[in-house]
Amino acid sequence: MQKLTVILKQHTPLIHFQHDQEGATLRASEVKPKLDKFIIKRIGGRKIVQDKGWLIANEDVDALDYKLHFTPIGDKEIFSFSIDTGRINQKGKPVFDNFPMFFGNMGDDNNLKEMVYYPQGITINIFTLKVDLREYIKSQLNDFFITTNFGTRQSKGFGSFYPISDGDPVLKSKYSFEIELSKEIAIEINRAYFKEVFLYLDYFYKTLRSGINQQGLYFKSLMFHYAKSKQEQWDKKTIRDKFQHYKSKYKDLKKQRTEFDGTFNTEFPSKDYLFRDLLGLSSSQSWLYYGDTITKSCSEKDDKGKDLIERFKSPLTIKPIQISNNKIKVYLIANQIEKEYLGSSFDINSSTYHPRNKEDKLKLKIFPEFDLEEYLIFVTEFDITTCVNDKNHRIYKKYIEPIYKQFKI
């Protein structure tokens, strides 16, 4: 049995449902199918690996003939997503220190997930009887790990690993930027360190998808401007119009925002398209300002009445790599969107709106002509200063402006 041993450096925490168990780390059941698919595509297709005799005999799936085993090095650290600070807010409720970009633990203690991090890395052992397969895997591991994350919320930058080598990892990507942390934060790689890293990623991702309305900072989503460039209406306005959110809130909102972003006086009629969900399907959203919850369900069902599309993760993968304690290189990887998703139709429902009849429904389609590469080019060329209401706001100056100064082709 031929063995290949590689040590992986862990660049960001892995969200793990068995975080409290000994040896909780990457799972072969997740990594191997991804690596198999990567190798088969890289070498030129199934027929080539079949002719080489690399496939496991009597297997219906495209499984290559090797085994994986992961062994953590040293002790792990567990970082919680939410920590009670011991403080009480003005309403008498406890104040929690919450981690960005993950809300999956809310209200479900039975399926609690936390972040697992091994400062010394983990060892990956690959076993196979086929020498040529082992050597090919060895030649592809760097490219595989630089383009792939693992675990929950992997597209948002969690679960980033890379083989330890002589030089820094480099991905041939047109879209990247660096995060530079303060000396105080970079002293120790702990929960506070990663929270700061993911604050940068969170704010950046919001500028691409939903926009920001926080602590007096208002940043109109670049996806809104992309829709406008296509002479299409932003889907949030279509939803608000349908469910009559303006009845109680219109006057205040109109006074605050009409001149700034054109939300209310857009010149384009609705063509029933969803845009925000191009970067990941959000099946339920809390619209706190309106006291409403918006849900989406696929209009098409299978034979058992289930939605044909229940989830769709973001096609944009964020890949953070630690260059040093205070510098993180962030690569953006544009993945292909399944054709079945583009143009698919969804029923939109409101928790506060009561339909008048069966025909009183809102049905929106995923914008069918979307191209992620085109969108990223649009983002790099757009003047983001037109998106923000306060260019001197602390969040904008610290987390957003430095990224966009680099984020150009």
Protein backbone atom coordinates (compact mmCIF):
# COMPACT_ATOMS: atom_id res chain seq x y z
CA MET A 1 0.00 0.00 0.00
CA GLN A 2 1.49 3.33 -1.14
CA LYS A 3 1.05 6.25 1.29
CA LEU A 4 1.20 9.98 0.70
CA THR A 5 1.48 12.17 3.82
CA VAL A 6 0.88 15.93 3.77
CA ILE A 7 0.51 18.44 6.61
CA LEU A 8 -2.27 20.97 6.17
CA LYS A 9 -2.20 24.43 7.76
CA GLN A 10 -5.60 25.56 8.98
CA HIS A 11 -6.24 29.14 7.89
CA THR A 12 -9.78 29.63 9.24
CA PRO A 13 -11.93 27.74 11.74
CA LEU A 14 -14.01 24.78 10.61
CA ILE A 15 -17.68 24.78 11.65
CA HIS A 16 -18.25 21.31 13.07
CA PHE A 17 -21.34 19.58 14.49
CA GLN A 18 -19.10 17.23 16.53
CA HIS A 19 -16.81 19.97 17.81
CA ASP A 20 -16.67 18.51 21.33
CA GLN A 21 -15.48 15.07 20.19
CA GLU A 22 -11.83 14.05 20.16
CA GLY A 23 -10.20 14.43 16.74
CA ALA A 24 -13.03 16.53 15.28
CA THR A 25 -11.64 17.93 12.03
CA LEU A 26 -11.99 17.37 8.28
CA ARG A 27 -14.02 14.31 7.35
CA ALA A 28 -13.02 11.94 4.55
CA SER A 29 -16.72 11.59 3.65
CA GLU A 30 -16.72 15.26 2.63
CA VAL A 31 -13.21 15.70 1.28
CA LYS A 32 -12.86 12.58 -0.89
CA PRO A 33 -15.90 13.14 -3.17
CA LYS A 34 -14.73 16.70 -3.76
CA LEU A 35 -11.17 15.60 -4.48
CA ASP A 36 -12.39 12.80 -6.77
CA LYS A 37 -14.50 15.24 -8.77
CA PHE A 38 -11.63 17.72 -8.95
CA ILE A 39 -9.13 15.11 -10.21
CA ILE A 40 -11.50 13.63 -12.79
CA LYS A 41 -12.28 17.05 -14.19
CA ARG A 42 -8.63 18.16 -14.12
CA ILE A 43 -7.33 15.09 -15.95
CA GLY A 44 -9.95 15.28 -18.66
CA GLY A 45 -12.95 13.18 -17.71
CA ARG A 46 -14.21 9.82 -16.47
CA LYS A 47 -13.03 7.81 -19.46
CA ILE A 48 -9.40 8.72 -18.82
CA VAL A 49 -9.42 7.65 -15.16
CA GLN A 50 -11.34 4.52 -16.11
CA ASP A 51 -8.75 3.60 -18.76
CA LYS A 52 -6.00 4.14 -16.18
CA GLY A 53 -7.75 1.75 -13.80
CA TRP A 54 -8.13 4.38 -11.10
CA LEU A 55 -11.83 3.84 -10.37
CA ILE A 56 -13.04 1.60 -7.56
CA ALA A 57 -14.46 -1.58 -9.08
CA ASN A 58 -18.23 -2.21 -8.88
CA GLU A 59 -18.98 1.36 -7.86
CA ASP A 60 -21.80 3.27 -9.58
CA VAL A 61 -20.34 6.64 -8.57
CA ASP A 62 -17.09 8.13 -9.86
CA ALA A 63 -15.00 7.10 -6.84
CA LEU A 64 -11.22 6.86 -7.21
CA ASP A 65 -9.32 3.95 -5.68
CA TYR A 66 -7.66 5.49 -2.61
CA LYS A 67 -8.47 6.16 1.04
CA LEU A 68 -8.09 9.28 3.15
CA HIS A 69 -7.37 9.66 6.84
CA PHE A 70 -7.03 12.90 8.82
CA THR A 71 -5.12 13.24 12.11
CA PRO A 72 -5.06 16.54 14.03
CA ILE A 73 -1.70 17.74 15.34
CA GLY A 74 -1.76 18.96 18.93
CA ASP A 75 -4.76 20.27 20.83
CA LYS A 76 -7.75 21.90 19.23
CA GLU A 77 -9.36 25.17 20.14
CA ILE A 78 -13.13 25.57 20.14
CA PHE A 79 -14.57 29.01 19.44
CA SER A 80 -18.22 29.70 20.25
CA PHE A 81 -20.43 31.69 17.91
CA SER A 82 -22.20 33.49 20.72
CA ILE A 83 -20.80 34.48 24.12
CA ASP A 84 -22.80 36.05 26.94
CA THR A 85 -20.91 39.23 27.88
CA GLY A 86 -22.65 39.51 31.26
CA ARG A 87 -23.96 42.96 30.31
CA ILE A 88 -27.60 44.00 30.09
CA ASN A 89 -28.97 46.34 27.42
CA GLN A 90 -31.47 49.17 27.89
CA LYS A 91 -34.37 46.74 27.51
CA GLY A 92 -33.05 44.55 30.29
CA LYS A 93 -31.92 41.75 27.99
CA PRO A 94 -28.49 40.07 28.05
CA VAL A 95 -25.90 41.30 25.55
CA PHE A 96 -24.11 38.64 23.49
CA ASP A 97 -20.84 38.84 21.58
CA ASN A 98 -21.89 37.25 18.28
CA PHE A 99 -19.59 35.99 15.54
CA PRO A 100 -20.23 37.26 11.97
CA MET A 101 -21.70 35.26 9.10
CA PHE A 102 -23.33 32.37 10.99
CA PHE A 103 -26.76 32.15 12.63
CA GLY A 104 -27.39 28.41 12.47
CA ASN A 105 -27.32 27.83 16.25
CA MET A 106 -30.32 29.99 17.03
CA GLY A 107 -32.99 28.06 18.89
CA ASP A 108 -31.59 24.57 18.33
CA ASP A 109 -29.35 23.30 21.12
CA ASN A 110 -29.61 19.72 19.84
CA ASN A 111 -27.72 20.55 16.66
CA LEU A 112 -25.25 23.01 18.11
CA LYS A 113 -22.27 23.78 15.91
CA GLU A 114 -19.11 25.55 16.97
CA MET A 115 -15.79 26.41 15.34
CA VAL A 116 -12.85 24.03 15.56
CA TYR A 117 -9.30 25.25 15.00
CA TYR A 118 -5.96 23.38 15.18
CA PRO A 119 -3.08 25.88 15.48
CA GLN A 120 -0.52 23.21 14.54
CA GLY A 121 -2.52 21.94 11.59
CA ILE A 122 -3.62 18.43 10.64
CA THR A 123 -2.02 15.50 8.83
CA ILE A 124 -3.66 13.99 5.78
CA ASN A 125 -2.68 10.43 4.81
CA ILE A 126 -3.65 9.10 1.39
CA PHE A 127 -3.44 5.33 0.85
CA THR A 128 -3.51 3.59 -2.53
CA LEU A 129 -1.99 0.61 -4.33
CA LYS A 130 -1.67 2.65 -7.51
CA VAL A 131 1.61 4.58 -7.67
CA ASP A 132 0.58 6.70 -10.67
CA LEU A 133 -2.67 7.71 -8.96
CA ARG A 134 -0.77 8.68 -5.81
CA GLU A 135 1.66 10.83 -7.78
CA TYR A 136 -1.13 12.54 -9.68
CA ILE A 137 -3.00 13.32 -6.46
CA LYS A 138 0.23 14.72 -5.01
CA SER A 139 0.62 17.04 -8.01
CA GLN A 140 -2.96 18.35 -7.66
CA LEU A 141 -3.35 18.81 -3.90
CA ASN A 142 -2.20 22.45 -3.83
CA ASP A 143 -4.63 23.46 -6.58
CA PHE A 144 -7.44 21.52 -4.90
CA PHE A 145 -7.04 23.05 -1.46
CA ILE A 146 -6.51 26.62 -2.73
CA THR A 147 -9.91 26.50 -4.46
CA THR A 148 -11.90 24.52 -1.89
CA ASN A 149 -13.21 25.12 1.63
CA PHE A 150 -14.97 22.65 3.91
CA GLY A 151 -17.76 22.30 6.44
CA THR A 152 -20.72 24.61 7.06
CA ARG A 153 -20.61 28.08 5.46
CA GLN A 154 -17.62 27.08 3.38
CA SER A 155 -18.44 29.56 0.61
CA LYS A 156 -18.13 32.37 3.19
CA GLY A 157 -14.52 31.49 4.08
CA PHE A 158 -14.87 28.98 6.91
CA GLY A 159 -12.90 25.72 6.72
CA SER A 160 -9.93 27.00 4.72
CA PHE A 161 -6.90 24.65 4.65
CA TYR A 162 -3.74 24.50 2.55
CA PRO A 163 -0.69 22.19 2.44
CA ILE A 164 2.35 23.52 4.24
CA SER A 165 5.06 24.19 1.63
CA ASP A 166 8.16 26.29 1.07
CA GLY A 167 6.36 29.27 -0.45
CA ASP A 168 3.10 31.13 0.08
CA PRO A 169 0.08 29.69 -1.73
CA VAL A 170 -0.85 31.56 -4.88
CA LEU A 171 -4.12 31.33 -6.77
CA LYS A 172 -4.35 32.65 -10.30
CA SER A 173 -7.45 34.76 -9.62
CA LYS A 174 -8.24 38.20 -10.97
CA TYR A 175 -10.20 38.96 -7.84
CA SER A 176 -8.36 39.22 -4.55
CA PHE A 177 -7.49 41.62 -1.75
CA GLU A 178 -5.53 41.68 1.48
CA ILE A 179 -6.79 42.28 5.00
CA GLU A 180 -4.30 43.95 7.31
CA LEU A 181 -5.06 43.56 11.00
CA SER A 182 -3.93 45.84 13.79
CA LYS A 183 -0.94 44.81 15.90
CA GLU A 184 -3.19 44.44 18.94
CA ILE A 185 -5.46 41.92 17.19
CA ALA A 186 -2.57 40.03 15.54
CA ILE A 187 -0.76 39.27 18.81
CA GLU A 188 -2.63 36.00 19.22
CA ILE A 189 -4.65 33.90 16.77
CA ASN A 190 -7.79 33.37 18.82
CA ARG A 191 -11.53 33.98 18.60
CA ALA A 192 -11.11 37.77 18.59
CA TYR A 193 -8.59 37.46 15.76
CA PHE A 194 -10.94 35.44 13.56
CA LYS A 195 -13.91 37.59 14.47
CA GLU A 196 -12.06 40.61 13.09
CA VAL A 197 -11.16 38.73 9.89
CA PHE A 198 -14.77 37.67 9.34
CA LEU A 199 -16.06 41.16 10.03
CA TYR A 200 -14.10 42.28 6.96
CA LEU A 201 -15.53 39.38 4.94
CA ASP A 202 -19.06 39.95 6.23
CA TYR A 203 -19.17 43.63 5.34
CA PHE A 204 -17.60 42.97 1.95
CA TYR A 205 -20.10 40.23 1.13
CA LYS A 206 -23.01 42.43 2.17
CA THR A 207 -21.86 45.13 -0.26
CA LEU A 208 -22.12 42.52 -3.03
CA ARG A 209 -25.49 41.04 -2.10
CA SER A 210 -27.90 42.67 0.33
CA GLY A 211 -26.36 46.03 1.20
CA ILE A 212 -25.76 47.45 4.69
CA ASN A 213 -28.04 49.38 7.02
CA GLN A 214 -26.21 49.42 10.37
CA GLN A 215 -25.26 51.97 13.03
CA GLY A 216 -26.10 54.88 10.76
CA LEU A 217 -24.23 53.46 7.76
CA TYR A 218 -26.33 52.91 4.65
CA PHE A 219 -24.60 51.14 1.74
CA LYS A 220 -26.80 50.37 -1.24
CA SER A 221 -26.08 46.88 -2.57
CA LEU A 222 -23.97 46.62 -5.70
CA MET A 223 -26.44 43.96 -6.85
CA PHE A 224 -29.09 46.70 -6.78
CA HIS A 225 -26.95 48.80 -9.12
CA TYR A 226 -26.28 45.74 -11.29
CA ALA A 227 -30.04 45.17 -11.64
CA LYS A 228 -30.48 48.82 -12.53
CA SER A 229 -27.76 48.53 -15.19
CA LYS A 230 -29.87 45.73 -16.73
CA GLN A 231 -32.93 48.03 -16.59
CA GLU A 232 -34.52 45.74 -14.05
CA GLN A 233 -36.12 46.58 -10.72
CA TRP A 234 -34.53 45.57 -7.40
CA ASP A 235 -36.51 42.62 -6.04
CA LYS A 236 -36.85 44.08 -2.54
CA LYS A 237 -38.95 46.93 -3.93
CA THR A 238 -41.14 44.47 -5.83
CA ILE A 239 -41.74 42.51 -2.61
CA ARG A 240 -42.44 45.64 -0.56
CA ASP A 241 -44.91 46.91 -3.16
CA LYS A 242 -46.78 43.61 -3.23
CA PHE A 243 -47.09 43.22 0.52
CA GLN A 244 -47.97 46.90 1.06
CA HIS A 245 -45.16 47.67 3.47
CA TYR A 246 -45.43 51.32 2.48
CA LYS A 247 -48.77 51.76 4.23
CA SER A 248 -47.20 52.34 7.63
CA LYS A 249 -43.59 53.10 6.75
CA TYR A 250 -43.69 54.88 3.41
CA LYS A 251 -43.51 58.50 4.58
CA ASP A 252 -40.46 58.05 6.81
CA LEU A 253 -38.61 55.90 4.28
CA LYS A 254 -39.39 58.25 1.42
CA LYS A 255 -38.01 61.18 3.37
CA GLN A 256 -34.82 59.30 4.28
CA ARG A 257 -33.91 57.53 1.07
CA THR A 258 -35.63 58.69 -2.14
CA GLU A 259 -32.99 61.22 -3.14
CA PHE A 260 -30.10 58.96 -2.16
CA ASP A 261 -30.77 55.63 -3.87
CA GLY A 262 -33.86 55.95 -6.02
CA THR A 263 -35.61 53.10 -4.21
CA PHE A 264 -39.03 54.70 -4.60
CA ASN A 265 -38.72 56.52 -7.90
CA THR A 266 -36.98 53.89 -10.02
CA GLU A 267 -37.88 54.22 -13.67
CA PHE A 268 -37.92 50.50 -14.43
CA PRO A 269 -41.10 48.43 -14.08
CA SER A 270 -40.94 45.09 -12.27
CA LYS A 271 -40.24 42.07 -14.47
CA ASP A 272 -40.59 39.64 -11.58
CA TYR A 273 -36.93 38.78 -11.07
CA LEU A 274 -34.95 37.86 -7.96
CA PHE A 275 -31.42 39.27 -7.81
CA ARG A 276 -30.12 38.89 -4.24
CA ASP A 277 -30.64 35.12 -4.40
CA LEU A 278 -28.17 34.89 -7.29
CA LEU A 279 -25.48 34.82 -4.58
CA GLY A 280 -27.18 32.12 -2.52
CA LEU A 281 -30.83 31.29 -1.87
CA SER A 282 -32.25 32.83 1.29
CA SER A 283 -35.45 30.86 1.93
CA SER A 284 -36.40 32.93 4.99
CA GLN A 285 -35.60 36.55 5.81
CA SER A 286 -36.60 38.64 8.83
CA TRP A 287 -37.55 42.15 7.76
CA LEU A 288 -37.39 43.67 11.23
CA TYR A 289 -38.23 47.22 10.16
CA TYR A 290 -41.60 46.02 8.84
CA GLY A 291 -42.14 43.35 11.50
CA ASP A 292 -42.37 40.79 8.71
CA THR A 293 -40.80 37.49 7.70
CA ILE A 294 -40.41 36.83 3.97
CA THR A 295 -40.20 33.21 2.84
CA LYS A 296 -39.43 31.72 -0.58
CA SER A 297 -40.34 28.28 -1.86
CA CYS A 298 -39.69 26.79 -5.29
CA SER A 299 -42.79 26.85 -7.46
CA GLU A 300 -41.90 23.51 -9.02
CA LYS A 301 -42.38 20.33 -6.96
CA ASP A 302 -41.24 16.74 -7.27
CA ASP A 303 -43.47 13.64 -7.21
CA LYS A 304 -43.66 13.81 -3.40
CA GLY A 305 -44.62 17.47 -3.36
CA LYS A 306 -41.20 18.68 -2.23
CA ASP A 307 -39.56 21.77 -3.68
CA LEU A 308 -37.32 20.87 -6.61
CA ILE A 309 -34.87 23.51 -5.34
CA GLU A 310 -34.61 23.73 -1.56
CA ARG A 311 -31.18 25.27 -1.23
CA PHE A 312 -28.56 26.94 -3.37
CA LYS A 313 -25.24 27.97 -1.86
CA SER A 314 -23.42 31.02 -3.09
CA PRO A 315 -21.50 30.41 -6.35
CA LEU A 316 -18.87 32.82 -5.02
CA THR A 317 -16.30 31.13 -2.76
CA ILE A 318 -14.25 33.28 -0.39
CA LYS A 319 -10.82 31.75 0.24
CA PRO A 320 -8.83 33.37 3.10
CA ILE A 321 -5.14 32.48 3.43
CA GLN A 322 -2.94 33.68 6.31
CA ILE A 323 0.20 35.25 4.88
CA SER A 324 1.34 36.35 8.33
CA ASN A 325 -0.31 37.01 11.69
CA ASN A 326 -1.50 40.42 10.60
CA LYS A 327 -2.03 39.82 6.85
CA ILE A 328 -4.67 37.65 5.21
CA LYS A 329 -4.90 37.23 1.47
CA VAL A 330 -8.48 36.75 0.31
CA TYR A 331 -9.20 35.14 -3.04
CA LEU A 332 -12.62 35.17 -4.71
CA ILE A 333 -13.45 32.06 -6.72
CA ALA A 334 -16.31 32.29 -9.22
CA ASN A 335 -18.01 28.92 -9.62
CA GLN A 336 -20.43 27.96 -12.34
CA ILE A 337 -24.15 28.33 -11.56
CA GLU A 338 -26.36 25.36 -12.40
CA LYS A 339 -28.59 26.08 -15.41
CA GLU A 340 -31.58 24.68 -13.50
CA TYR A 341 -31.30 27.48 -10.94
CA LEU A 342 -31.16 30.41 -13.35
CA GLY A 343 -34.70 31.23 -14.41
CA SER A 344 -36.30 29.01 -11.76
CA SER A 345 -39.50 30.34 -10.21
CA PHE A 346 -40.22 30.94 -6.51
CA ASP A 347 -43.39 31.70 -4.55
CA ILE A 348 -42.83 34.64 -2.20
CA ASN A 349 -44.85 34.80 1.02
CA SER A 350 -45.21 37.33 3.82
CA SER A 351 -46.08 36.63 7.47
CA THR A 352 -48.11 39.85 7.68
CA TYR A 353 -49.91 39.91 4.32
CA HIS A 354 -53.23 38.11 3.92
CA PRO A 355 -54.01 37.14 0.30
CA ARG A 356 -57.43 38.20 -1.01
CA ASN A 357 -57.82 35.03 -3.07
CA LYS A 358 -55.88 32.12 -4.57
CA GLU A 359 -54.65 34.30 -7.42
CA ASP A 360 -53.28 36.92 -5.04
CA LYS A 361 -49.72 35.59 -5.09
CA LEU A 362 -46.23 36.88 -5.74
CA LYS A 363 -44.11 34.71 -7.97
CA LEU A 364 -40.57 35.80 -8.90
CA LYS A 365 -37.92 34.18 -11.08
CA ILE A 366 -34.19 34.04 -10.55
CA PHE A 367 -32.71 36.48 -13.08
CA PRO A 368 -31.94 34.10 -15.98
CA GLU A 369 -29.20 36.11 -17.73
CA PHE A 370 -26.83 36.37 -14.79
CA ASP A 371 -23.12 35.75 -15.30
CA LEU A 372 -21.00 35.83 -12.14
CA GLU A 373 -17.83 36.80 -13.98
CA GLU A 374 -19.67 39.71 -15.60
CA TYR A 375 -20.98 40.78 -12.19
CA LEU A 376 -17.51 40.78 -10.64
CA ILE A 377 -16.21 42.92 -13.49
CA PHE A 378 -19.15 45.27 -12.92
CA VAL A 379 -18.23 45.48 -9.22
CA THR A 380 -14.56 46.25 -9.88
CA GLU A 381 -15.49 49.08 -12.23
CA PHE A 382 -18.28 50.64 -10.15
CA ASP A 383 -17.71 53.78 -8.09
CA ILE A 384 -18.72 52.57 -4.62
CA THR A 385 -18.66 56.08 -3.19
CA THR A 386 -22.08 56.51 -4.85
CA CYS A 387 -23.41 53.59 -2.77
CA VAL A 388 -22.65 54.97 0.69
CA ASN A 389 -24.38 57.72 2.65
CA ASP A 390 -21.41 58.56 4.93
CA LYS A 391 -17.90 58.20 3.52
CA ASN A 392 -16.42 58.98 6.94
CA HIS A 393 -18.38 56.35 8.83
CA ARG A 394 -16.15 54.09 10.95
CA ILE A 395 -17.36 50.84 9.35
CA TYR A 396 -16.90 52.17 5.83
CA LYS A 397 -13.44 53.63 6.50
CA LYS A 398 -12.10 50.58 8.35
CA TYR A 399 -13.68 47.56 6.67
CA ILE A 400 -15.01 48.51 3.22
CA GLU A 401 -12.92 51.30 1.67
CA PRO A 402 -9.54 49.52 2.12
CA ILE A 403 -10.85 46.43 0.31
CA TYR A 404 -12.25 48.31 -2.66
CA LYS A 405 -9.05 50.30 -3.06
CA GLN A 406 -7.40 46.95 -3.93
CA PHE A 407 -10.34 45.21 -5.56
CA LYS A 408 -9.68 46.18 -9.15
CA ILE A 409 -8.71 44.14 -12.20
